[in-house]
């Protein structure tokens, strides 16, 4: 007795594709394989991740499968999901990014939290303060602070013209264009105008360490946004050198690389004459010191 049987086939449903991609990404050693898989499947379908959970048995169309295949290939080459999607969520807002801009990291949200806490302590929420963002990139720091402090105005500077174009677009998206300006200039040539708050996530990776960074960073972030020179302190020195004139009476909040906080604090003290009582070190959610904050008003101490 014989029976006819058809080849087994498995329809490419949302649930199956998420599982398949999760396995492939986990095998590659990616940090968040399931999350990456969900985001890419959602993007391929033009849907939100919540919609996937509501209809996990939905079958992908041919166009959606082809789109997902392209996304999968890019992620397997270690391109970050944020660059595949063209945006990064930062402090509750979506920021468009492109090859000219650094991909803002969640840890950098610590700078925003610190700056907003300083604004609360200083009574700045109800005053038209001026903010300077050195190395603005996508504008994530400046635009976020302007959105959170509706009376503030700000200037974002960067050496990259294309990065500034992206920052302007993000400022428009989030409704702060009228209070934001962007200028192409190096950190060594800050604007003469005094500001109340300086924020910066500058390049601070040692030149020789760039080759050892994760592929998602090394191969996709612009080198100019990573390379801080032989010891990682080139831009830190530029900022510190002009700190007293740029921020004559206010605060400086700067992101610190791993193991750099103590030296950065000492540099700021040496260049400004500030004492330890004017400095604050802040940790991110991972427990790492993420930024150094310094008060520049009534500097009396010496480090």
C-alpha atoms as a PDB file:
ATOM      1  CA  UNK A   1       0.000   0.000   0.000  1.00  0.00           C
ATOM      2  CA  UNK A   2       1.381   3.409  -0.934  1.00  0.00           C
ATOM      3  CA  UNK A   3       0.343   6.904  -0.017  1.00  0.00           C
ATOM      4  CA  UNK A   4       1.049  10.190  -1.701  1.00  0.00           C
ATOM      5  CA  UNK A   5       2.612  12.899   0.449  1.00  0.00           C
ATOM      6  CA  UNK A   6       3.405  16.507  -0.299  1.00  0.00           C
ATOM      7  CA  UNK A   7       6.653  18.130   0.868  1.00  0.00           C
ATOM      8  CA  UNK A   8       6.369  19.738   4.278  1.00  0.00           C
ATOM      9  CA  UNK A   9       6.191  23.506   4.097  1.00  0.00           C
ATOM     10  CA  UNK A  10       6.084  26.095   6.834  1.00  0.00           C
ATOM     11  CA  UNK A  11       4.428  29.393   6.062  1.00  0.00           C
ATOM     12  CA  UNK A  12       6.617  32.373   6.970  1.00  0.00           C
ATOM     13  CA  UNK A  13       4.533  33.799   9.793  1.00  0.00           C
ATOM     14  CA  UNK A  14       5.524  36.613  12.090  1.00  0.00           C
ATOM     15  CA  UNK A  15       6.209  34.195  14.938  1.00  0.00           C
ATOM     16  CA  UNK A  16       8.326  31.878  12.801  1.00  0.00           C
ATOM     17  CA  UNK A  17      10.384  34.709  11.315  1.00  0.00           C
ATOM     18  CA  UNK A  18      11.070  36.223  14.712  1.00  0.00           C
ATOM     19  CA  UNK A  19      12.181  32.828  16.008  1.00  0.00           C
ATOM     20  CA  UNK A  20      14.341  32.163  12.949  1.00  0.00           C
ATOM     21  CA  UNK A  21      16.099  35.524  13.137  1.00  0.00           C
ATOM     22  CA  UNK A  22      16.551  35.215  16.900  1.00  0.00           C
ATOM     23  CA  UNK A  23      18.368  31.918  16.436  1.00  0.00           C
ATOM     24  CA  UNK A  24      20.595  33.331  13.705  1.00  0.00           C
ATOM     25  CA  UNK A  25      21.444  36.447  15.724  1.00  0.00           C
ATOM     26  CA  UNK A  26      22.094  34.465  18.888  1.00  0.00           C
ATOM     27  CA  UNK A  27      24.456  32.169  17.012  1.00  0.00           C
ATOM     28  CA  UNK A  28      26.403  35.261  15.926  1.00  0.00           C
ATOM     29  CA  UNK A  29      26.724  36.333  19.556  1.00  0.00           C
ATOM     30  CA  UNK A  30      24.622  39.485  19.323  1.00  0.00           C
ATOM     31  CA  UNK A  31      23.622  41.064  22.621  1.00  0.00           C
ATOM     32  CA  UNK A  32      19.855  41.277  22.090  1.00  0.00           C
ATOM     33  CA  UNK A  33      18.864  38.743  19.413  1.00  0.00           C
ATOM     34  CA  UNK A  34      15.153  38.577  20.227  1.00  0.00           C
ATOM     35  CA  UNK A  35      14.750  42.338  20.397  1.00  0.00           C
ATOM     36  CA  UNK A  36      16.652  42.819  17.131  1.00  0.00           C
ATOM     37  CA  UNK A  37      14.499  40.182  15.468  1.00  0.00           C
ATOM     38  CA  UNK A  38      11.246  41.789  16.596  1.00  0.00           C
ATOM     39  CA  UNK A  39      12.323  45.252  15.470  1.00  0.00           C
ATOM     40  CA  UNK A  40      13.415  44.071  12.025  1.00  0.00           C
ATOM     41  CA  UNK A  41      10.290  41.991  11.427  1.00  0.00           C
ATOM     42  CA  UNK A  42       8.157  44.951  12.492  1.00  0.00           C
ATOM     43  CA  UNK A  43      10.069  47.252  10.142  1.00  0.00           C
ATOM     44  CA  UNK A  44       9.718  44.801   7.256  1.00  0.00           C
ATOM     45  CA  UNK A  45       5.962  44.762   7.810  1.00  0.00           C
ATOM     46  CA  UNK A  46       5.710  48.504   8.406  1.00  0.00           C
ATOM     47  CA  UNK A  47       4.114  47.797  11.759  1.00  0.00           C
ATOM     48  CA  UNK A  48       4.841  48.391  15.411  1.00  0.00           C
ATOM     49  CA  UNK A  49       6.141  45.622  17.643  1.00  0.00           C
ATOM     50  CA  UNK A  50       2.845  45.639  19.561  1.00  0.00           C
ATOM     51  CA  UNK A  51       1.029  44.740  16.339  1.00  0.00           C
ATOM     52  CA  UNK A  52       3.262  41.686  15.934  1.00  0.00           C
ATOM     53  CA  UNK A  53       2.246  40.388  19.344  1.00  0.00           C
ATOM     54  CA  UNK A  54      -1.430  40.814  18.485  1.00  0.00           C
ATOM     55  CA  UNK A  55      -1.150  38.794  15.287  1.00  0.00           C
ATOM     56  CA  UNK A  56       1.809  36.372  15.542  1.00  0.00           C
ATOM     57  CA  UNK A  57       0.306  34.026  12.935  1.00  0.00           C
ATOM     58  CA  UNK A  58       0.169  36.629  10.220  1.00  0.00           C
ATOM     59  CA  UNK A  59       1.891  35.426   7.049  1.00  0.00           C
ATOM     60  CA  UNK A  60       4.472  37.662   5.405  1.00  0.00           C
ATOM     61  CA  UNK A  61       3.945  38.676   1.800  1.00  0.00           C
ATOM     62  CA  UNK A  62       6.647  38.142  -0.798  1.00  0.00           C
ATOM     63  CA  UNK A  63       7.622  41.821  -0.647  1.00  0.00           C
ATOM     64  CA  UNK A  64       7.821  41.699   3.128  1.00  0.00           C
ATOM     65  CA  UNK A  65       9.961  38.568   3.032  1.00  0.00           C
ATOM     66  CA  UNK A  66      12.370  40.166   0.587  1.00  0.00           C
ATOM     67  CA  UNK A  67      12.577  43.301   2.684  1.00  0.00           C
ATOM     68  CA  UNK A  68      13.208  41.254   5.813  1.00  0.00           C
ATOM     69  CA  UNK A  69      15.890  39.253   4.016  1.00  0.00           C
ATOM     70  CA  UNK A  70      17.751  42.468   3.226  1.00  0.00           C
ATOM     71  CA  UNK A  71      17.464  43.628   6.822  1.00  0.00           C
ATOM     72  CA  UNK A  72      18.682  40.240   8.044  1.00  0.00           C
ATOM     73  CA  UNK A  73      21.736  40.327   5.778  1.00  0.00           C
ATOM     74  CA  UNK A  74      22.677  43.781   7.023  1.00  0.00           C
ATOM     75  CA  UNK A  75      22.353  42.770  10.681  1.00  0.00           C
ATOM     76  CA  UNK A  76      24.434  39.652  10.084  1.00  0.00           C
ATOM     77  CA  UNK A  77      27.140  41.997   8.800  1.00  0.00           C
ATOM     78  CA  UNK A  78      26.901  43.618  12.256  1.00  0.00           C
ATOM     79  CA  UNK A  79      25.204  46.777  11.084  1.00  0.00           C
ATOM     80  CA  UNK A  80      23.268  48.156  14.076  1.00  0.00           C
ATOM     81  CA  UNK A  81      19.493  47.861  13.983  1.00  0.00           C
ATOM     82  CA  UNK A  82      19.217  51.627  14.496  1.00  0.00           C
ATOM     83  CA  UNK A  83      21.170  52.252  11.295  1.00  0.00           C
ATOM     84  CA  UNK A  84      19.091  49.718   9.375  1.00  0.00           C
ATOM     85  CA  UNK A  85      15.931  51.490  10.545  1.00  0.00           C
ATOM     86  CA  UNK A  86      17.465  54.950  10.102  1.00  0.00           C
ATOM     87  CA  UNK A  87      16.606  56.190  13.572  1.00  0.00           C
ATOM     88  CA  UNK A  88      17.453  55.740  17.229  1.00  0.00           C
ATOM     89  CA  UNK A  89      15.071  56.220  20.147  1.00  0.00           C
ATOM     90  CA  UNK A  90      16.689  58.598  22.643  1.00  0.00           C
ATOM     91  CA  UNK A  91      15.049  59.886  25.813  1.00  0.00           C
ATOM     92  CA  UNK A  92      11.617  59.010  24.477  1.00  0.00           C
ATOM     93  CA  UNK A  93      12.077  60.584  21.047  1.00  0.00           C
ATOM     94  CA  UNK A  94      13.077  59.150  17.669  1.00  0.00           C
ATOM     95  CA  UNK A  95      16.178  60.731  16.145  1.00  0.00           C
ATOM     96  CA  UNK A  96      17.029  60.202  12.510  1.00  0.00           C
ATOM     97  CA  UNK A  97      20.646  59.136  12.007  1.00  0.00           C
ATOM     98  CA  UNK A  98      22.788  58.649   8.927  1.00  0.00           C
ATOM     99  CA  UNK A  99      26.415  57.707   8.139  1.00  0.00           C
ATOM    100  CA  UNK A 100      27.573  61.216   9.094  1.00  0.00           C
ATOM    101  CA  UNK A 101      26.291  60.990  12.667  1.00  0.00           C
ATOM    102  CA  UNK A 102      27.198  59.030  15.750  1.00  0.00           C
ATOM    103  CA  UNK A 103      24.513  56.563  16.781  1.00  0.00           C
ATOM    104  CA  UNK A 104      23.360  57.975  20.152  1.00  0.00           C
ATOM    105  CA  UNK A 105      23.687  55.353  22.877  1.00  0.00           C
ATOM    106  CA  UNK A 106      21.190  54.809  25.697  1.00  0.00           C
ATOM    107  CA  UNK A 107      23.974  55.453  28.226  1.00  0.00           C
ATOM    108  CA  UNK A 108      24.285  59.013  26.940  1.00  0.00           C
ATOM    109  CA  UNK A 109      20.796  59.691  28.263  1.00  0.00           C
ATOM    110  CA  UNK A 110      22.612  60.047  31.599  1.00  0.00           C
ATOM    111  CA  UNK A 111      23.889  63.446  30.396  1.00  0.00           C
ATOM    112  CA  UNK A 112      20.330  64.592  29.757  1.00  0.00           C
ATOM    113  CA  UNK A 113      19.206  63.413  33.183  1.00  0.00           C
ATOM    114  CA  UNK A 114      22.118  65.213  34.856  1.00  0.00           C
ATOM    115  CA  UNK A 115      21.537  68.409  32.880  1.00  0.00           C
ATOM    116  CA  UNK A 116      17.818  68.413  33.720  1.00  0.00           C
ATOM    117  CA  UNK A 117      18.576  67.847  37.399  1.00  0.00           C
ATOM    118  CA  UNK A 118      20.990  70.789  37.301  1.00  0.00           C
ATOM    119  CA  UNK A 119      18.301  72.878  35.604  1.00  0.00           C
ATOM    120  CA  UNK A 120      15.929  72.007  38.441  1.00  0.00           C
ATOM    121  CA  UNK A 121      18.483  72.903  41.106  1.00  0.00           C
ATOM    122  CA  UNK A 122      19.417  76.171  39.428  1.00  0.00           C
ATOM    123  CA  UNK A 123      15.836  77.232  38.751  1.00  0.00           C
ATOM    124  CA  UNK A 124      16.492  77.218  35.012  1.00  0.00           C
ATOM    125  CA  UNK A 125      13.219  75.578  33.990  1.00  0.00           C
ATOM    126  CA  UNK A 126      11.519  78.966  34.231  1.00  0.00           C
ATOM    127  CA  UNK A 127      14.353  81.002  32.705  1.00  0.00           C
ATOM    128  CA  UNK A 128      15.614  81.479  29.122  1.00  0.00           C
ATOM    129  CA  UNK A 129      19.012  79.827  29.514  1.00  0.00           C
ATOM    130  CA  UNK A 130      21.503  79.317  26.688  1.00  0.00           C
ATOM    131  CA  UNK A 131      22.835  75.821  25.922  1.00  0.00           C
ATOM    132  CA  UNK A 132      25.933  74.902  23.918  1.00  0.00           C
ATOM    133  CA  UNK A 133      26.321  71.363  22.556  1.00  0.00           C
ATOM    134  CA  UNK A 134      29.841  70.672  21.253  1.00  0.00           C
ATOM    135  CA  UNK A 135      29.992  67.818  18.740  1.00  0.00           C
ATOM    136  CA  UNK A 136      26.232  67.771  18.367  1.00  0.00           C
ATOM    137  CA  UNK A 137      26.075  65.008  15.713  1.00  0.00           C
ATOM    138  CA  UNK A 138      22.422  64.094  15.253  1.00  0.00           C
ATOM    139  CA  UNK A 139      21.474  66.819  17.724  1.00  0.00           C
ATOM    140  CA  UNK A 140      20.142  64.303  20.232  1.00  0.00           C
ATOM    141  CA  UNK A 141      21.468  66.116  23.313  1.00  0.00           C
ATOM    142  CA  UNK A 142      20.610  69.675  22.319  1.00  0.00           C
ATOM    143  CA  UNK A 143      17.217  68.891  20.789  1.00  0.00           C
ATOM    144  CA  UNK A 144      16.208  66.794  23.791  1.00  0.00           C
ATOM    145  CA  UNK A 145      17.192  69.507  26.254  1.00  0.00           C
ATOM    146  CA  UNK A 146      15.369  72.195  24.258  1.00  0.00           C
ATOM    147  CA  UNK A 147      12.271  70.001  24.138  1.00  0.00           C
ATOM    148  CA  UNK A 148      12.445  69.477  27.905  1.00  0.00           C
ATOM    149  CA  UNK A 149      13.274  73.119  28.713  1.00  0.00           C
ATOM    150  CA  UNK A 150      10.817  75.157  26.619  1.00  0.00           C
ATOM    151  CA  UNK A 151      12.326  78.568  27.450  1.00  0.00           C
ATOM    152  CA  UNK A 152      15.882  77.566  26.569  1.00  0.00           C
ATOM    153  CA  UNK A 153      17.741  78.365  23.359  1.00  0.00           C
ATOM    154  CA  UNK A 154      20.782  76.537  22.089  1.00  0.00           C
ATOM    155  CA  UNK A 155      23.664  76.210  19.675  1.00  0.00           C
ATOM    156  CA  UNK A 156      24.969  72.900  18.352  1.00  0.00           C
ATOM    157  CA  UNK A 157      28.438  72.781  16.795  1.00  0.00           C
ATOM    158  CA  UNK A 158      30.142  70.060  14.801  1.00  0.00           C
ATOM    159  CA  UNK A 159      32.994  69.755  12.314  1.00  0.00           C
ATOM    160  CA  UNK A 160      30.733  67.793   9.947  1.00  0.00           C
ATOM    161  CA  UNK A 161      28.396  69.705   7.654  1.00  0.00           C
ATOM    162  CA  UNK A 162      26.288  66.611   6.842  1.00  0.00           C
ATOM    163  CA  UNK A 163      25.907  65.875  10.554  1.00  0.00           C
ATOM    164  CA  UNK A 164      24.628  69.406  11.119  1.00  0.00           C
ATOM    165  CA  UNK A 165      22.088  68.930   8.321  1.00  0.00           C
ATOM    166  CA  UNK A 166      20.782  65.880  10.167  1.00  0.00           C
ATOM    167  CA  UNK A 167      20.687  67.787  13.447  1.00  0.00           C
ATOM    168  CA  UNK A 168      18.644  70.566  11.822  1.00  0.00           C
ATOM    169  CA  UNK A 169      16.197  67.989  10.491  1.00  0.00           C
ATOM    170  CA  UNK A 170      15.816  66.450  13.960  1.00  0.00           C
ATOM    171  CA  UNK A 171      15.277  69.889  15.488  1.00  0.00           C
ATOM    172  CA  UNK A 172      12.472  70.467  12.993  1.00  0.00           C
ATOM    173  CA  UNK A 173      10.935  67.061  13.683  1.00  0.00           C
ATOM    174  CA  UNK A 174      10.758  67.784  17.393  1.00  0.00           C
ATOM    175  CA  UNK A 175       9.545  71.347  17.081  1.00  0.00           C
ATOM    176  CA  UNK A 176      12.552  73.237  18.442  1.00  0.00           C
ATOM    177  CA  UNK A 177      13.989  74.752  15.249  1.00  0.00           C
ATOM    178  CA  UNK A 178      13.121  78.307  16.273  1.00  0.00           C
ATOM    179  CA  UNK A 179      15.205  77.928  19.442  1.00  0.00           C
ATOM    180  CA  UNK A 180      18.134  75.993  17.933  1.00  0.00           C
ATOM    181  CA  UNK A 181      21.080  77.112  15.808  1.00  0.00           C
ATOM    182  CA  UNK A 182      23.770  74.933  14.306  1.00  0.00           C
ATOM    183  CA  UNK A 183      27.247  75.968  13.223  1.00  0.00           C
ATOM    184  CA  UNK A 184      30.146  74.142  11.621  1.00  0.00           C
ATOM    185  CA  UNK A 185      33.142  74.724  13.860  1.00  0.00           C
ATOM    186  CA  UNK A 186      35.807  72.789  15.736  1.00  0.00           C
ATOM    187  CA  UNK A 187      35.901  72.397  19.501  1.00  0.00           C
ATOM    188  CA  UNK A 188      39.157  74.353  19.445  1.00  0.00           C
ATOM    189  CA  UNK A 189      37.231  77.410  18.174  1.00  0.00           C
ATOM    190  CA  UNK A 190      34.158  77.719  20.399  1.00  0.00           C
ATOM    191  CA  UNK A 191      31.771  80.648  19.997  1.00  0.00           C
ATOM    192  CA  UNK A 192      32.739  83.752  21.967  1.00  0.00           C
ATOM    193  CA  UNK A 193      29.262  84.216  23.367  1.00  0.00           C
ATOM    194  CA  UNK A 194      28.807  83.070  26.964  1.00  0.00           C
ATOM    195  CA  UNK A 195      26.438  80.178  27.681  1.00  0.00           C
ATOM    196  CA  UNK A 196      24.785  78.852  30.830  1.00  0.00           C
ATOM    197  CA  UNK A 197      25.149  75.139  30.104  1.00  0.00           C
ATOM    198  CA  UNK A 198      27.623  73.216  27.993  1.00  0.00           C
ATOM    199  CA  UNK A 199      26.932  69.582  27.130  1.00  0.00           C
ATOM    200  CA  UNK A 200      29.116  67.345  25.033  1.00  0.00           C
ATOM    201  CA  UNK A 201      29.580  63.735  24.058  1.00  0.00           C
ATOM    202  CA  UNK A 202      32.887  64.292  22.251  1.00  0.00           C
ATOM    203  CA  UNK A 203      35.211  61.787  20.556  1.00  0.00           C
ATOM    204  CA  UNK A 204      37.171  60.157  23.382  1.00  0.00           C
ATOM    205  CA  UNK A 205      38.372  56.779  22.095  1.00  0.00           C
ATOM    206  CA  UNK A 206      42.132  56.396  21.904  1.00  0.00           C
ATOM    207  CA  UNK A 207      43.231  56.180  18.286  1.00  0.00           C
ATOM    208  CA  UNK A 208      44.911  52.804  18.794  1.00  0.00           C
ATOM    209  CA  UNK A 209      41.779  51.392  20.467  1.00  0.00           C
ATOM    210  CA  UNK A 210      39.403  52.033  17.565  1.00  0.00           C
ATOM    211  CA  UNK A 211      40.370  48.825  15.737  1.00  0.00           C
ATOM    212  CA  UNK A 212      39.290  46.802  18.775  1.00  0.00           C
ATOM    213  CA  UNK A 213      35.821  48.291  19.090  1.00  0.00           C
ATOM    214  CA  UNK A 214      32.710  46.234  18.383  1.00  0.00           C
ATOM    215  CA  UNK A 215      31.964  46.070  14.638  1.00  0.00           C
ATOM    216  CA  UNK A 216      28.680  47.937  15.197  1.00  0.00           C
ATOM    217  CA  UNK A 217      30.742  50.920  16.358  1.00  0.00           C
ATOM    218  CA  UNK A 218      34.020  50.577  14.471  1.00  0.00           C
ATOM    219  CA  UNK A 219      32.488  49.931  11.061  1.00  0.00           C
ATOM    220  CA  UNK A 220      29.430  52.170  11.154  1.00  0.00           C
ATOM    221  CA  UNK A 221      30.050  55.214  13.366  1.00  0.00           C
ATOM    222  CA  UNK A 222      32.052  58.013  11.708  1.00  0.00           C
ATOM    223  CA  UNK A 223      35.684  57.888  12.825  1.00  0.00           C
ATOM    224  CA  UNK A 224      35.637  61.628  13.446  1.00  0.00           C
ATOM    225  CA  UNK A 225      33.000  61.050  16.144  1.00  0.00           C
ATOM    226  CA  UNK A 226      35.108  58.377  17.858  1.00  0.00           C
ATOM    227  CA  UNK A 227      38.785  59.318  17.580  1.00  0.00           C
ATOM    228  CA  UNK A 228      39.923  61.383  20.548  1.00  0.00           C
ATOM    229  CA  UNK A 229      43.600  61.255  19.637  1.00  0.00           C
ATOM    230  CA  UNK A 230      46.486  59.212  21.056  1.00  0.00           C
ATOM    231  CA  UNK A 231      45.227  59.387  24.648  1.00  0.00           C
ATOM    232  CA  UNK A 232      41.556  60.115  23.914  1.00  0.00           C
ATOM    233  CA  UNK A 233      41.778  63.611  25.384  1.00  0.00           C
ATOM    234  CA  UNK A 234      42.202  65.869  22.333  1.00  0.00           C
ATOM    235  CA  UNK A 235      38.667  67.302  22.429  1.00  0.00           C
ATOM    236  CA  UNK A 236      38.507  67.235  26.224  1.00  0.00           C
ATOM    237  CA  UNK A 237      41.517  69.576  26.242  1.00  0.00           C
ATOM    238  CA  UNK A 238      39.874  71.925  23.750  1.00  0.00           C
ATOM    239  CA  UNK A 239      36.713  72.102  25.844  1.00  0.00           C
ATOM    240  CA  UNK A 240      38.590  72.593  29.110  1.00  0.00           C
ATOM    241  CA  UNK A 241      40.867  75.266  27.645  1.00  0.00           C
ATOM    242  CA  UNK A 242      37.918  77.485  26.734  1.00  0.00           C
ATOM    243  CA  UNK A 243      35.582  76.473  29.564  1.00  0.00           C
ATOM    244  CA  UNK A 244      35.858  79.637  31.667  1.00  0.00           C
ATOM    245  CA  UNK A 245      35.109  81.982  28.774  1.00  0.00           C
ATOM    246  CA  UNK A 246      32.472  79.790  27.135  1.00  0.00           C
ATOM    247  CA  UNK A 247      30.603  79.079  30.385  1.00  0.00           C
ATOM    248  CA  UNK A 248      31.532  81.985  32.683  1.00  0.00           C
ATOM    249  CA  UNK A 249      28.686  81.305  35.096  1.00  0.00           C
ATOM    250  CA  UNK A 250      26.988  77.927  34.732  1.00  0.00           C
ATOM    251  CA  UNK A 251      27.615  74.229  34.292  1.00  0.00           C
ATOM    252  CA  UNK A 252      29.587  71.898  32.042  1.00  0.00           C
ATOM    253  CA  UNK A 253      28.348  68.304  31.576  1.00  0.00           C
ATOM    254  CA  UNK A 254      30.648  66.042  29.560  1.00  0.00           C
ATOM    255  CA  UNK A 255      30.474  62.337  28.766  1.00  0.00           C
ATOM    256  CA  UNK A 256      33.435  60.341  30.069  1.00  0.00           C
ATOM    257  CA  UNK A 257      34.919  57.227  28.528  1.00  0.00           C
ATOM    258  CA  UNK A 258      35.744  54.170  30.621  1.00  0.00           C
ATOM    259  CA  UNK A 259      38.464  54.978  33.141  1.00  0.00           C
ATOM    260  CA  UNK A 260      38.706  58.618  32.037  1.00  0.00           C
ATOM    261  CA  UNK A 261      36.573  60.418  34.628  1.00  0.00           C
ATOM    262  CA  UNK A 262      39.292  61.160  37.186  1.00  0.00           C
ATOM    263  CA  UNK A 263      41.700  62.517  34.581  1.00  0.00           C
ATOM    264  CA  UNK A 264      38.937  64.532  32.928  1.00  0.00           C
ATOM    265  CA  UNK A 265      37.969  66.062  36.270  1.00  0.00           C
ATOM    266  CA  UNK A 266      41.611  66.921  36.970  1.00  0.00           C
ATOM    267  CA  UNK A 267      41.938  68.503  33.530  1.00  0.00           C
ATOM    268  CA  UNK A 268      38.880  70.695  34.063  1.00  0.00           C
ATOM    269  CA  UNK A 269      40.201  71.779  37.448  1.00  0.00           C
ATOM    270  CA  UNK A 270      43.656  72.572  36.081  1.00  0.00           C
ATOM    271  CA  UNK A 271      42.304  74.664  33.206  1.00  0.00           C
ATOM    272  CA  UNK A 272      39.681  76.580  35.192  1.00  0.00           C
ATOM    273  CA  UNK A 273      40.993  76.717  38.740  1.00  0.00           C
ATOM    274  CA  UNK A 274      37.930  74.896  40.021  1.00  0.00           C
ATOM    275  CA  UNK A 275      38.108  72.891  43.214  1.00  0.00           C
ATOM    276  CA  UNK A 276      36.737  69.422  43.963  1.00  0.00           C
ATOM    277  CA  UNK A 277      33.676  71.045  45.546  1.00  0.00           C
ATOM    278  CA  UNK A 278      32.635  72.218  42.086  1.00  0.00           C
ATOM    279  CA  UNK A 279      32.741  68.759  40.510  1.00  0.00           C
ATOM    280  CA  UNK A 280      30.216  65.936  40.282  1.00  0.00           C
ATOM    281  CA  UNK A 281      30.654  62.436  38.859  1.00  0.00           C
ATOM    282  CA  UNK A 282      27.537  60.634  37.656  1.00  0.00           C
ATOM    283  CA  UNK A 283      26.995  56.953  36.909  1.00  0.00           C
ATOM    284  CA  UNK A 284      24.781  55.410  34.245  1.00  0.00           C
ATOM    285  CA  UNK A 285      22.304  52.590  34.862  1.00  0.00           C
ATOM    286  CA  UNK A 286      25.122  50.067  34.409  1.00  0.00           C
ATOM    287  CA  UNK A 287      26.990  51.570  37.339  1.00  0.00           C
ATOM    288  CA  UNK A 288      29.761  53.089  35.217  1.00  0.00           C
ATOM    289  CA  UNK A 289      30.834  56.710  35.659  1.00  0.00           C
ATOM    290  CA  UNK A 290      29.322  58.224  32.542  1.00  0.00           C
ATOM    291  CA  UNK A 291      29.787  61.965  32.914  1.00  0.00           C
ATOM    292  CA  UNK A 292      31.645  64.709  34.716  1.00  0.00           C
ATOM    293  CA  UNK A 293      29.736  67.862  35.673  1.00  0.00           C
ATOM    294  CA  UNK A 294      31.440  71.068  36.818  1.00  0.00           C
ATOM    295  CA  UNK A 295      30.075  74.344  38.199  1.00  0.00           C
ATOM    296  CA  UNK A 296      31.892  77.370  36.820  1.00  0.00           C
ATOM    297  CA  UNK A 297      30.455  80.118  39.034  1.00  0.00           C
ATOM    298  CA  UNK A 298      32.445  81.603  41.935  1.00  0.00           C
ATOM    299  CA  UNK A 299      35.419  79.276  41.417  1.00  0.00           C
ATOM    300  CA  UNK A 300      37.590  79.540  44.515  1.00  0.00           C
ATOM    301  CA  UNK A 301      39.373  76.238  44.988  1.00  0.00           C
ATOM    302  CA  UNK A 302      42.364  74.666  43.339  1.00  0.00           C
ATOM    303  CA  UNK A 303      42.594  70.971  42.459  1.00  0.00           C
END
